[in-house]
N, C-alpha and C. Protein backbone atom coordinates (compact mmCIF):
# COMPACT_ATOMS: atom_id res chain seq x y z
N MET A 1 102.48 -107.22 51.51
CA MET A 1 102.63 -106.27 50.03
C MET A 1 100.98 -106.34 49.50
N GLU A 2 100.65 -107.87 49.54
CA GLU A 2 99.40 -107.69 48.59
C GLU A 2 98.27 -107.13 49.36
N LEU A 3 97.92 -107.32 50.69
CA LEU A 3 97.36 -107.11 51.81
C LEU A 3 97.06 -104.83 51.58
N ALA A 4 98.84 -104.64 51.68
CA ALA A 4 98.71 -102.91 51.51
C ALA A 4 97.81 -102.72 50.56
N PHE A 5 97.97 -102.95 49.03
CA PHE A 5 97.70 -102.62 47.81
C PHE A 5 96.05 -103.08 47.89
N ASN A 6 95.59 -104.01 48.35
CA ASN A 6 94.26 -104.45 48.70
C ASN A 6 93.53 -102.89 49.59
N TYR A 7 94.32 -103.14 50.40
CA TYR A 7 94.01 -101.88 51.09
C TYR A 7 93.74 -100.65 50.87
N VAL A 8 94.37 -100.22 50.16
CA VAL A 8 94.92 -98.85 49.24
C VAL A 8 93.79 -99.05 47.77
N ARG A 9 93.46 -99.81 47.73
CA ARG A 9 92.00 -100.14 46.55
C ARG A 9 90.91 -100.08 47.01
N HIS A 10 90.60 -100.39 47.99
CA HIS A 10 89.36 -100.58 48.79
C HIS A 10 89.56 -98.86 49.26
N HIS A 11 90.53 -98.28 50.09
CA HIS A 11 89.97 -96.86 50.67
C HIS A 11 90.57 -95.49 50.11
N ILE A 12 91.15 -95.81 49.09
CA ILE A 12 91.92 -94.66 48.10
C ILE A 12 91.01 -93.22 48.10
N THR A 13 89.48 -93.68 47.93
CA THR A 13 88.51 -92.42 47.62
C THR A 13 87.82 -91.60 49.45
N HIS A 14 88.37 -92.92 50.05
CA HIS A 14 87.76 -92.06 51.81
C HIS A 14 88.28 -91.84 52.27
N GLU A 15 90.47 -91.58 52.36
CA GLU A 15 90.94 -91.85 53.46
C GLU A 15 91.99 -90.82 52.45
N VAL A 16 92.36 -89.56 53.33
CA VAL A 16 93.63 -88.52 53.14
C VAL A 16 94.86 -89.80 53.00
N GLU A 17 95.51 -88.79 52.05
CA GLU A 17 96.72 -90.01 51.52
C GLU A 17 97.92 -90.32 53.05
N GLY A 18 98.22 -89.17 53.61
CA GLY A 18 98.75 -89.55 55.01
C GLY A 18 98.17 -90.86 55.68
N HIS A 19 96.61 -90.88 56.11
CA HIS A 19 95.75 -91.87 56.55
C HIS A 19 96.15 -93.03 56.30
N LEU A 20 95.81 -93.12 55.11
CA LEU A 20 95.60 -93.98 53.77
C LEU A 20 96.96 -94.90 54.34
N LEU A 21 97.91 -94.06 53.31
CA LEU A 21 99.37 -94.79 53.88
C LEU A 21 99.93 -95.55 54.72
N SER A 22 99.16 -94.98 56.37
CA SER A 22 99.65 -95.61 57.59
C SER A 22 98.74 -96.49 57.81
N ASN A 23 97.35 -96.49 57.56
CA ASN A 23 96.67 -97.76 57.86
C ASN A 23 96.59 -98.66 56.96
N ALA A 24 97.73 -98.57 55.92
CA ALA A 24 97.67 -99.29 54.99
C ALA A 24 99.01 -100.61 55.54
N LYS A 25 99.19 -99.85 55.94
CA LYS A 25 100.94 -100.52 56.76
C LYS A 25 100.49 -101.34 58.12
N ASN A 26 99.86 -100.58 58.67
CA ASN A 26 99.20 -100.94 59.75
C ASN A 26 98.45 -102.29 60.17
N HIS A 27 97.20 -102.38 58.44
CA HIS A 27 96.68 -103.40 58.11
C HIS A 27 97.50 -104.58 57.62
N ALA A 28 99.03 -104.05 57.11
CA ALA A 28 99.25 -105.49 56.33
C ALA A 28 100.55 -106.19 56.73
N SER A 29 100.90 -105.10 58.24
CA SER A 29 102.16 -105.59 58.92
C SER A 29 102.11 -106.86 59.43
N PHE A 30 102.73 -108.11 59.67
CA PHE A 30 102.43 -109.60 60.15
C PHE A 30 101.10 -109.74 59.73
N GLY A 31 100.34 -108.86 58.83
CA GLY A 31 99.00 -109.57 58.14
C GLY A 31 98.47 -110.54 58.39
N GLY A 32 96.84 -110.96 58.56
CA GLY A 32 96.43 -112.47 58.49
C GLY A 32 95.93 -112.97 60.22
N SER A 33 95.23 -113.51 59.73
CA SER A 33 94.61 -113.74 61.26
C SER A 33 95.73 -114.94 61.73
N VAL A 34 96.38 -115.84 61.23
CA VAL A 34 97.45 -116.29 61.87
C VAL A 34 98.51 -116.13 62.20
N MET A 35 98.87 -115.71 61.32
CA MET A 35 100.61 -115.14 61.61
C MET A 35 100.42 -113.64 62.58
N ARG A 36 99.75 -112.34 63.03
CA ARG A 36 99.32 -111.51 63.38
C ARG A 36 98.95 -112.02 64.65
N LYS A 37 98.18 -113.47 65.31
CA LYS A 37 97.69 -113.63 66.52
C LYS A 37 98.88 -114.71 67.33
N ASN A 38 99.85 -114.85 66.41
CA ASN A 38 100.69 -115.94 66.75
C ASN A 38 101.82 -114.67 67.25
N LEU A 39 101.92 -113.82 66.25
CA LEU A 39 103.19 -112.78 67.21
C LEU A 39 102.98 -112.20 68.42
N ILE A 40 101.02 -112.09 68.62
CA ILE A 40 100.76 -111.25 69.42
C ILE A 40 100.74 -111.90 70.96
N ASP A 41 100.73 -113.41 70.26
CA ASP A 41 100.51 -114.24 71.82
C ASP A 41 101.76 -113.78 71.87
N MET A 42 103.04 -114.48 71.39
CA MET A 42 104.43 -114.47 71.54
C MET A 42 104.71 -113.55 72.21
N LEU A 43 104.40 -111.39 72.24
CA LEU A 43 104.98 -110.64 72.45
C LEU A 43 104.07 -110.70 73.70
N ASP A 44 102.69 -111.09 73.89
CA ASP A 44 101.96 -110.55 75.27
C ASP A 44 102.92 -111.91 76.40
N GLY A 45 103.49 -112.90 76.25
CA GLY A 45 103.85 -113.97 76.45
C GLY A 45 105.20 -113.69 77.27
N ILE A 46 106.23 -112.82 76.60
CA ILE A 46 107.46 -112.21 77.34
C ILE A 46 106.92 -110.99 78.06
N GLY A 47 105.74 -110.25 78.22
CA GLY A 47 105.75 -109.13 78.78
C GLY A 47 105.86 -107.77 78.03
N LEU A 48 105.52 -107.91 76.95
CA LEU A 48 106.11 -106.98 76.27
C LEU A 48 104.69 -105.59 76.86
N PRO A 49 103.65 -105.63 76.81
CA PRO A 49 102.59 -105.01 77.06
C PRO A 49 102.85 -104.51 78.50
N THR A 50 103.39 -105.17 79.42
CA THR A 50 103.29 -104.09 80.72
C THR A 50 105.17 -103.50 80.25
N PHE A 51 105.36 -103.70 79.37
CA PHE A 51 107.03 -102.99 79.48
C PHE A 51 106.91 -101.73 78.30
N LEU A 52 105.38 -101.88 77.82
CA LEU A 52 104.88 -100.91 76.81
C LEU A 52 104.11 -99.73 77.62
N GLN A 53 103.25 -100.46 78.88
CA GLN A 53 102.27 -99.92 79.45
C GLN A 53 101.21 -99.73 78.75
N ILE A 54 100.82 -100.81 78.41
CA ILE A 54 99.50 -101.25 77.17
C ILE A 54 99.07 -102.73 77.85
N ASP A 55 97.43 -102.73 77.18
CA ASP A 55 96.70 -103.79 77.74
C ASP A 55 97.49 -104.86 76.81
N SER A 56 97.86 -105.00 75.77
CA SER A 56 97.51 -105.98 74.54
C SER A 56 98.65 -105.42 73.76
N SER A 57 99.76 -106.59 73.38
CA SER A 57 100.56 -106.30 71.84
C SER A 57 99.39 -105.64 71.08
N GLU A 58 97.87 -106.60 71.14
CA GLU A 58 97.24 -106.79 69.57
C GLU A 58 97.06 -105.10 69.23
N GLN A 59 97.09 -104.49 70.57
CA GLN A 59 96.73 -102.70 70.69
C GLN A 59 98.04 -102.05 70.14
N LEU A 60 99.13 -102.62 69.51
CA LEU A 60 99.80 -102.31 68.52
C LEU A 60 99.79 -101.81 67.40
N PHE A 61 98.56 -102.55 66.88
CA PHE A 61 98.51 -103.06 65.31
C PHE A 61 97.29 -102.15 65.01
N HIS A 62 96.52 -101.61 66.22
CA HIS A 62 95.31 -100.88 66.30
C HIS A 62 95.49 -99.23 66.95
N GLU A 63 94.75 -99.39 68.14
CA GLU A 63 95.05 -97.81 68.63
C GLU A 63 96.22 -97.17 69.22
N LYS A 64 97.25 -97.94 69.44
CA LYS A 64 98.38 -97.92 70.01
C LYS A 64 99.41 -98.47 68.93
N SER A 65 99.19 -97.93 67.76
CA SER A 65 100.48 -98.01 66.34
C SER A 65 101.56 -97.18 66.72
N ASP A 66 101.27 -96.16 67.70
CA ASP A 66 102.18 -95.19 67.60
C ASP A 66 103.57 -95.48 68.46
N LEU A 67 103.72 -96.87 68.83
CA LEU A 67 104.48 -97.52 69.06
C LEU A 67 105.37 -97.98 68.72
N LEU A 68 104.78 -98.65 67.59
CA LEU A 68 105.16 -99.94 66.73
C LEU A 68 105.66 -99.35 65.69
N HIS A 69 107.05 -99.61 64.90
CA HIS A 69 107.70 -99.56 63.88
C HIS A 69 108.06 -100.76 62.97
N THR A 70 107.58 -100.97 62.03
CA THR A 70 107.88 -102.40 61.61
C THR A 70 108.50 -101.88 60.18
N THR A 71 109.64 -103.08 59.49
CA THR A 71 110.57 -102.55 58.74
C THR A 71 110.57 -103.78 58.30
N SER A 72 111.63 -104.11 57.36
CA SER A 72 111.95 -105.09 56.56
C SER A 72 113.31 -104.78 56.47
N VAL A 73 114.02 -106.01 56.44
CA VAL A 73 115.96 -106.05 56.46
C VAL A 73 115.87 -105.59 54.82
N LEU A 74 115.14 -105.87 54.07
CA LEU A 74 115.18 -105.51 52.05
C LEU A 74 113.89 -104.51 52.37
N ARG A 75 114.08 -103.74 52.26
CA ARG A 75 113.07 -102.46 52.28
C ARG A 75 111.96 -102.73 51.29
N TYR A 76 112.34 -103.19 50.07
CA TYR A 76 111.78 -103.29 48.70
C TYR A 76 111.30 -104.73 48.72
N PRO A 77 110.35 -104.93 47.73
CA PRO A 77 110.24 -106.14 47.29
C PRO A 77 111.66 -106.96 46.31
N VAL A 78 111.41 -107.75 46.51
CA VAL A 78 113.11 -108.94 46.09
C VAL A 78 111.77 -110.44 45.48
N PHE A 79 112.57 -110.50 44.21
CA PHE A 79 112.03 -111.62 43.36
C PHE A 79 113.16 -112.36 42.97
N VAL A 80 113.27 -113.11 43.00
CA VAL A 80 114.35 -114.75 42.66
C VAL A 80 113.72 -115.37 41.59
N ASP A 81 113.90 -115.17 40.66
CA ASP A 81 113.50 -116.30 39.24
C ASP A 81 112.46 -116.48 38.97
N GLY A 82 111.71 -115.15 39.34
CA GLY A 82 110.11 -114.71 39.53
C GLY A 82 109.23 -114.80 40.54
N GLU A 83 110.24 -115.51 41.50
CA GLU A 83 109.47 -115.64 42.52
C GLU A 83 109.65 -114.93 43.71
N ASN A 84 108.86 -114.42 44.99
CA ASN A 84 108.67 -114.00 45.93
C ASN A 84 110.26 -114.63 46.84
N TYR A 85 111.42 -113.32 47.21
CA TYR A 85 112.09 -114.00 48.13
C TYR A 85 112.13 -114.63 49.35
N SER A 86 112.71 -115.86 49.69
CA SER A 86 112.29 -116.03 50.93
C SER A 86 113.29 -115.94 51.95
N GLY A 87 114.20 -115.36 51.85
CA GLY A 87 115.07 -114.27 52.54
C GLY A 87 116.28 -115.52 53.00
N SER A 88 116.68 -116.82 52.08
CA SER A 88 117.34 -117.42 52.10
C SER A 88 118.80 -117.80 50.96
N THR A 89 118.14 -118.02 49.68
CA THR A 89 118.60 -118.68 48.83
C THR A 89 118.77 -117.53 47.87
N PRO A 90 119.43 -116.25 47.54
CA PRO A 90 120.67 -116.38 48.03
C PRO A 90 120.86 -115.81 49.36
N LYS A 91 121.61 -115.67 50.72
CA LYS A 91 121.57 -115.29 51.64
C LYS A 91 122.08 -114.24 51.33
N MET A 92 121.10 -113.37 52.79
CA MET A 92 121.27 -111.75 52.74
C MET A 92 122.91 -111.08 52.78
N LEU A 93 123.32 -111.77 53.65
CA LEU A 93 124.86 -111.44 53.68
C LEU A 93 125.60 -111.64 52.27
N GLY A 94 125.38 -112.58 51.71
CA GLY A 94 126.46 -113.04 50.88
C GLY A 94 126.24 -112.49 49.18
N HIS A 95 125.06 -110.94 49.18
CA HIS A 95 124.96 -110.34 47.94
C HIS A 95 125.47 -109.07 48.01
N ASP A 96 125.95 -108.73 47.32
CA ASP A 96 126.16 -107.29 47.50
C ASP A 96 124.88 -106.35 47.18
N LEU A 97 124.35 -106.50 46.14
CA LEU A 97 122.83 -105.73 46.40
C LEU A 97 122.10 -105.43 47.65
N PHE A 98 122.02 -106.41 48.18
CA PHE A 98 121.21 -107.18 49.56
C PHE A 98 122.15 -106.01 50.71
N LEU A 99 123.52 -106.47 50.80
CA LEU A 99 124.52 -105.51 51.53
C LEU A 99 124.04 -103.97 51.45
N LYS A 100 124.23 -103.67 50.57
CA LYS A 100 124.05 -101.96 50.28
C LYS A 100 122.93 -101.59 50.53
N MET A 101 121.10 -102.45 50.45
CA MET A 101 120.43 -102.14 50.81
C MET A 101 120.14 -102.01 52.53
N ILE A 102 121.40 -102.55 53.02
CA ILE A 102 121.07 -103.23 54.58
C ILE A 102 122.09 -101.84 54.59
N ASP A 103 123.05 -102.07 54.50
CA ASP A 103 123.72 -100.92 54.77
C ASP A 103 123.72 -99.49 54.93
N GLU A 104 122.79 -99.16 53.93
CA GLU A 104 122.41 -97.45 53.48
C GLU A 104 121.10 -97.10 54.08
N LEU A 105 119.94 -98.44 54.04
CA LEU A 105 118.69 -97.97 54.55
C LEU A 105 118.33 -98.89 55.76
N LEU A 106 118.63 -99.62 56.14
CA LEU A 106 118.13 -100.15 57.56
C LEU A 106 119.13 -100.38 58.58
N VAL A 107 120.99 -99.67 58.19
CA VAL A 107 121.52 -98.97 59.45
C VAL A 107 120.83 -98.09 59.87
N PRO A 108 120.99 -96.45 59.21
CA PRO A 108 120.42 -95.91 59.69
C PRO A 108 119.22 -95.70 60.51
N GLU A 109 118.14 -96.51 59.63
CA GLU A 109 117.13 -96.98 60.26
C GLU A 109 116.73 -97.34 61.85
N LEU A 110 117.78 -97.99 62.14
CA LEU A 110 117.24 -99.09 63.25
C LEU A 110 118.52 -97.76 64.34
N ASN A 111 119.47 -96.84 63.80
CA ASN A 111 119.93 -96.34 64.54
C ASN A 111 119.48 -94.75 65.11
N SER A 112 118.33 -94.60 63.85
CA SER A 112 117.19 -93.56 64.57
C SER A 112 116.10 -94.21 65.55
N LEU A 113 115.83 -95.09 65.90
CA LEU A 113 115.00 -96.01 67.23
C LEU A 113 115.76 -95.75 68.27
N LYS A 114 116.20 -94.87 69.14
CA LYS A 114 117.16 -95.41 70.47
C LYS A 114 116.26 -95.48 71.07
N ASN A 115 116.71 -96.57 71.76
CA ASN A 115 116.60 -97.80 73.27
C ASN A 115 115.20 -98.53 72.49
N ALA A 116 114.97 -98.41 71.29
CA ALA A 116 113.70 -99.04 70.99
C ALA A 116 114.14 -100.30 71.26
N VAL A 117 113.35 -101.77 71.50
CA VAL A 117 113.13 -102.82 72.20
C VAL A 117 113.34 -103.40 69.90
N ILE A 118 114.24 -104.42 69.56
CA ILE A 118 113.94 -104.48 68.28
C ILE A 118 113.84 -105.83 68.66
N VAL A 119 113.09 -106.48 67.66
CA VAL A 119 112.35 -107.79 67.41
C VAL A 119 112.95 -108.14 66.08
N PRO A 120 113.37 -109.08 65.69
CA PRO A 120 113.89 -109.76 64.06
C PRO A 120 113.31 -110.91 64.61
N THR A 121 112.71 -110.72 63.62
CA THR A 121 111.43 -112.25 63.47
C THR A 121 112.07 -113.12 62.47
N GLY A 122 112.52 -114.47 62.76
CA GLY A 122 113.02 -115.59 61.70
C GLY A 122 114.64 -115.06 61.90
N LYS A 123 115.32 -116.65 61.65
CA LYS A 123 116.94 -116.70 61.80
C LYS A 123 117.41 -115.59 60.61
N ALA A 124 116.88 -115.76 59.84
CA ALA A 124 117.76 -114.97 58.39
C ALA A 124 117.87 -113.78 58.61
N VAL A 125 116.93 -112.89 59.79
CA VAL A 125 116.86 -111.68 59.93
C VAL A 125 117.58 -111.50 61.30
N SER A 126 117.48 -112.30 62.24
CA SER A 126 118.52 -112.61 63.46
C SER A 126 120.12 -112.41 62.92
N ASP A 127 120.32 -113.13 61.86
CA ASP A 127 121.67 -113.07 61.54
C ASP A 127 121.98 -111.88 60.66
N VAL A 128 121.41 -110.76 60.06
CA VAL A 128 121.51 -109.92 60.07
C VAL A 128 121.85 -109.36 60.76
N LEU A 129 121.17 -108.81 61.79
CA LEU A 129 121.50 -108.00 62.76
C LEU A 129 122.55 -108.78 63.59
N LYS A 130 122.67 -109.38 64.04
CA LYS A 130 124.41 -110.09 64.49
C LYS A 130 125.38 -109.65 63.62
N TYR A 131 125.18 -109.73 62.70
CA TYR A 131 126.49 -109.03 62.08
C TYR A 131 126.22 -108.09 62.14
N LEU A 132 125.20 -106.67 62.13
CA LEU A 132 125.44 -105.42 62.53
C LEU A 132 126.29 -104.82 63.50
N VAL A 133 125.12 -105.88 64.42
CA VAL A 133 125.90 -105.76 65.79
C VAL A 133 127.86 -106.21 65.96
N ASP A 134 128.34 -106.80 65.56
CA ASP A 134 129.40 -107.81 65.36
C ASP A 134 130.25 -106.03 64.95
N GLU A 135 129.71 -105.74 63.85
CA GLU A 135 130.13 -104.81 62.63
C GLU A 135 130.53 -103.66 63.69
N GLY A 136 129.70 -103.58 64.62
CA GLY A 136 129.27 -101.90 65.20
C GLY A 136 128.80 -101.26 64.49
N LYS A 137 127.72 -101.22 63.81
CA LYS A 137 127.02 -101.18 62.74
C LYS A 137 125.61 -100.05 63.60
N VAL A 138 125.17 -101.28 64.25
CA VAL A 138 124.09 -101.00 64.78
C VAL A 138 123.95 -100.62 66.22
N GLU A 139 123.67 -99.55 67.02
CA GLU A 139 123.92 -99.47 68.78
C GLU A 139 122.66 -99.84 69.23
N ASN A 140 121.98 -100.33 68.84
CA ASN A 140 120.82 -100.25 69.87
C ASN A 140 121.20 -101.98 71.06
N GLU A 141 120.50 -100.91 72.59
CA GLU A 141 121.08 -102.37 73.31
C GLU A 141 119.97 -102.95 73.83
N THR A 142 118.64 -103.35 72.60
CA THR A 142 117.89 -104.32 73.08
C THR A 142 117.44 -104.97 72.01
N ILE A 143 118.06 -106.38 71.53
CA ILE A 143 117.72 -106.62 70.42
C ILE A 143 117.39 -108.43 70.86
N LEU A 144 116.19 -108.75 70.37
CA LEU A 144 115.50 -110.11 70.73
C LEU A 144 116.01 -111.47 69.47
N PHE A 145 117.15 -111.39 69.67
CA PHE A 145 117.97 -112.30 69.34
C PHE A 145 117.09 -113.42 68.86
N ASN A 146 117.03 -114.92 67.96
CA ASN A 146 115.96 -115.84 67.91
C ASN A 146 114.93 -115.60 67.59
N PHE A 147 114.71 -114.63 67.66
CA PHE A 147 112.64 -114.49 67.79
C PHE A 147 112.23 -115.40 66.99
N PRO A 148 111.44 -116.17 67.04
CA PRO A 148 110.84 -116.86 65.72
C PRO A 148 109.80 -116.24 64.98
N HIS A 149 109.90 -116.58 63.29
CA HIS A 149 108.90 -116.04 62.50
C HIS A 149 107.46 -116.96 62.85
N PRO A 150 106.58 -115.31 63.07
CA PRO A 150 105.39 -115.82 63.92
C PRO A 150 104.50 -117.01 62.56
N SER A 151 105.08 -117.06 61.32
CA SER A 151 104.22 -117.86 60.19
C SER A 151 103.90 -119.25 60.76
N GLY A 152 102.09 -119.03 60.39
CA GLY A 152 102.19 -120.61 60.53
C GLY A 152 102.70 -121.87 59.99
N ALA A 153 103.20 -121.67 59.03
CA ALA A 153 103.91 -122.67 58.25
C ALA A 153 105.81 -122.88 59.19
N ASN A 154 105.90 -121.84 59.76
CA ASN A 154 106.67 -122.16 60.81
C ASN A 154 106.62 -123.76 61.93
N GLY A 155 107.27 -124.74 60.94
CA GLY A 155 107.03 -125.98 62.24
C GLY A 155 107.86 -125.80 63.38
N HIS A 156 108.94 -124.80 63.52
CA HIS A 156 109.87 -124.73 64.79
C HIS A 156 109.45 -123.97 65.62
N ARG A 157 108.37 -122.98 65.50
CA ARG A 157 108.34 -121.97 65.93
C ARG A 157 108.07 -121.63 67.59
N LYS A 158 107.32 -122.84 67.70
CA LYS A 158 107.08 -123.02 69.41
C LYS A 158 108.28 -123.84 69.90
N SER A 159 109.33 -124.45 69.58
CA SER A 159 110.21 -124.87 70.42
C SER A 159 111.21 -123.67 70.09
N ILE A 160 111.41 -122.83 69.50
CA ILE A 160 112.28 -122.13 69.42
C ILE A 160 112.23 -120.86 70.16
N TYR A 161 110.56 -120.54 70.09
CA TYR A 161 110.23 -119.80 71.47
C TYR A 161 110.42 -120.26 73.15
N ALA A 162 109.64 -121.40 73.05
CA ALA A 162 110.23 -121.76 74.59
C ALA A 162 111.71 -122.17 75.05
N ALA A 163 112.36 -122.11 74.17
CA ALA A 163 113.88 -122.10 74.43
C ALA A 163 114.96 -120.99 74.76
N ASN A 164 113.76 -119.56 74.23
CA ASN A 164 114.44 -118.22 74.46
C ASN A 164 113.65 -117.35 75.06
N LYS A 165 112.38 -118.19 75.69
CA LYS A 165 111.63 -117.05 76.24
C LYS A 165 111.62 -116.53 77.39
N GLU A 166 112.16 -117.31 78.26
CA GLU A 166 112.87 -116.47 79.58
C GLU A 166 113.44 -115.56 79.48
N LEU A 167 114.77 -115.52 78.48
CA LEU A 167 115.98 -114.71 78.08
C LEU A 167 115.01 -113.43 77.82
N PHE A 168 114.33 -113.53 76.80
CA PHE A 168 113.38 -112.47 76.38
C PHE A 168 112.64 -111.69 77.23
N LYS A 169 112.22 -112.26 78.31
CA LYS A 169 111.83 -111.86 79.54
C LYS A 169 113.18 -111.08 80.48
N GLN A 170 114.45 -111.63 80.14
CA GLN A 170 115.03 -110.62 81.54
C GLN A 170 115.76 -109.76 80.16
N GLN A 171 115.80 -109.30 78.95
CA GLN A 171 116.08 -108.75 77.85
C GLN A 171 115.19 -107.38 78.40
N LEU A 172 113.73 -107.72 78.24
CA LEU A 172 112.52 -106.60 78.82
C LEU A 172 113.20 -105.77 80.22
N LEU A 173 113.49 -106.93 80.65
CA LEU A 173 113.48 -106.43 82.24
C LEU A 173 115.15 -105.23 82.00
N GLY A 174 115.87 -105.74 81.22
CA GLY A 174 117.37 -104.98 81.48
C GLY A 174 117.22 -103.48 80.53
N ALA A 175 116.41 -103.67 79.55
CA ALA A 175 115.82 -102.60 79.07
C ALA A 175 115.19 -101.14 80.17
N CYS A 176 114.20 -101.85 80.87
CA CYS A 176 114.30 -100.95 81.52
C CYS A 176 115.10 -99.95 82.62
N ASN A 177 116.08 -101.00 82.76
CA ASN A 177 117.50 -100.65 83.53
C ASN A 177 118.36 -99.36 83.01
N LEU A 178 117.66 -99.64 81.49
CA LEU A 178 118.72 -98.21 80.29
C LEU A 178 118.56 -97.34 80.90
N SER A 179 117.29 -96.52 81.11
CA SER A 179 117.20 -95.01 81.04
C SER A 179 115.62 -95.25 82.04
N GLY A 180 115.76 -93.96 82.27
CA GLY A 180 114.18 -93.16 82.79
C GLY A 180 113.30 -93.14 81.76
N SER A 181 113.36 -93.48 80.71
CA SER A 181 112.23 -92.87 79.51
C SER A 181 112.17 -93.83 78.52
N LEU A 182 111.30 -94.53 78.00
CA LEU A 182 111.65 -95.66 76.88
C LEU A 182 111.00 -94.72 75.26
N GLU A 183 111.96 -94.76 74.13
CA GLU A 183 111.69 -93.92 72.91
C GLU A 183 111.18 -95.35 72.18
N THR A 184 110.30 -95.09 71.17
CA THR A 184 109.64 -95.86 70.54
C THR A 184 109.54 -95.02 69.04
N SER A 185 109.61 -95.69 67.52
CA SER A 185 109.26 -95.12 66.53
C SER A 185 107.85 -94.63 66.53
N THR A 186 107.79 -93.41 66.05
CA THR A 186 106.64 -92.60 65.30
C THR A 186 106.52 -92.66 63.84
N ASP A 187 105.41 -92.25 63.14
CA ASP A 187 105.59 -91.44 61.86
C ASP A 187 106.63 -90.55 61.72
N LYS A 188 106.67 -89.56 62.83
CA LYS A 188 107.13 -88.56 63.02
C LYS A 188 108.44 -88.07 63.61
N GLY A 189 109.17 -89.50 63.88
CA GLY A 189 110.38 -89.59 64.37
C GLY A 189 110.27 -90.29 65.35
N LEU A 190 110.18 -90.08 66.85
CA LEU A 190 110.71 -90.95 67.93
C LEU A 190 109.58 -89.98 68.80
N LEU A 191 109.27 -91.31 69.92
CA LEU A 191 107.96 -90.53 70.85
C LEU A 191 108.63 -91.32 71.95
N SER A 192 108.85 -90.18 73.30
CA SER A 192 109.46 -90.59 74.17
C SER A 192 108.36 -90.64 75.45
N GLN A 193 108.29 -91.96 75.79
CA GLN A 193 107.29 -92.27 77.07
C GLN A 193 107.80 -91.50 78.40
N GLU A 194 107.13 -90.90 79.32
CA GLU A 194 108.07 -91.01 80.29
C GLU A 194 106.76 -92.13 81.55
N GLY A 195 107.38 -92.36 82.50
CA GLY A 195 106.98 -93.28 83.43
C GLY A 195 107.25 -93.67 84.67
N ASN A 196 106.80 -94.20 85.27
CA ASN A 196 107.35 -95.04 86.43
C ASN A 196 108.12 -96.00 86.42
N TRP A 197 109.06 -95.69 86.06
CA TRP A 197 109.88 -96.92 85.55
C TRP A 197 110.29 -97.95 87.03
N SER A 198 110.37 -97.76 87.95
CA SER A 198 110.86 -98.46 89.14
C SER A 198 109.62 -99.85 89.34
N ASN A 199 108.29 -99.19 88.89
CA ASN A 199 107.10 -99.95 89.35
C ASN A 199 106.80 -100.48 88.25
N ILE A 200 107.66 -100.27 86.86
CA ILE A 200 106.77 -101.36 85.92
C ILE A 200 108.19 -102.42 86.31
N GLU A 201 109.27 -102.17 86.93
CA GLU A 201 111.00 -103.08 86.75
C GLU A 201 110.36 -104.00 88.36
N LYS A 202 109.24 -103.25 88.69
CA LYS A 202 109.32 -104.45 89.82
C LYS A 202 108.20 -105.15 89.45
N TYR A 203 107.28 -105.29 88.86
CA TYR A 203 106.12 -105.32 88.39
C TYR A 203 106.90 -106.90 87.39
N LEU A 204 107.35 -106.50 86.62
CA LEU A 204 108.36 -107.91 85.74
C LEU A 204 108.87 -108.25 86.82
N LYS A 205 109.96 -108.03 87.38
CA LYS A 205 110.26 -108.64 88.04
C LYS A 205 109.98 -109.84 88.92
N LYS A 206 108.19 -109.48 89.70
CA LYS A 206 107.28 -110.56 90.64
C LYS A 206 107.29 -111.65 89.29
N ASN A 207 106.23 -111.16 88.18
CA ASN A 207 105.76 -111.92 87.40
C ASN A 207 106.51 -112.48 86.28
N TRP A 208 107.84 -111.81 85.84
CA TRP A 208 108.12 -112.46 84.86
C TRP A 208 109.50 -112.55 84.96
N GLY A 209 110.27 -112.67 85.93
CA GLY A 209 111.48 -112.75 86.32
C GLY A 209 111.77 -114.81 86.84
């Protein structure tokens, strides 16, 4: 949040509103040199760039940002006892206000992203997505459950990633078989990318299978 505010403060007189807000979101999403680098390395490691037909996941935060839709389980800032909410206490699934925000805001948002690959970073987020799937509220086919949060403070990140890496690769491979096109979120709705998915599938099997 601080990164987004600072971006707006420094660019508000130089950019039109639409570009300003979009650029602020791209700047702040998984912002910071360590967290973003960790996320990019993990996404590259499971072959996401090949799946999206780009060179590197780093492009998702720059020239290919139209292929990325970042969001939060709780859309608005939450503070507990004056401190930034960590996602654990109270638990998101055990608080009426959080559940209302999830049902009314997150569920429609996720269901609008047809055929998107959803990457819930961190255990708390994965737990919410599992609950939504179990309740039949989310229809997406490809969710990379147990994807570790990329924060440098996450001491279990590397071990969790290593334990699930092959499964993540197989999920991306399976997503290629769901349809002949990939739809990902843009600021204007959904972007459909047509491509030679048989060749992509062969490449993934050869290099990541």
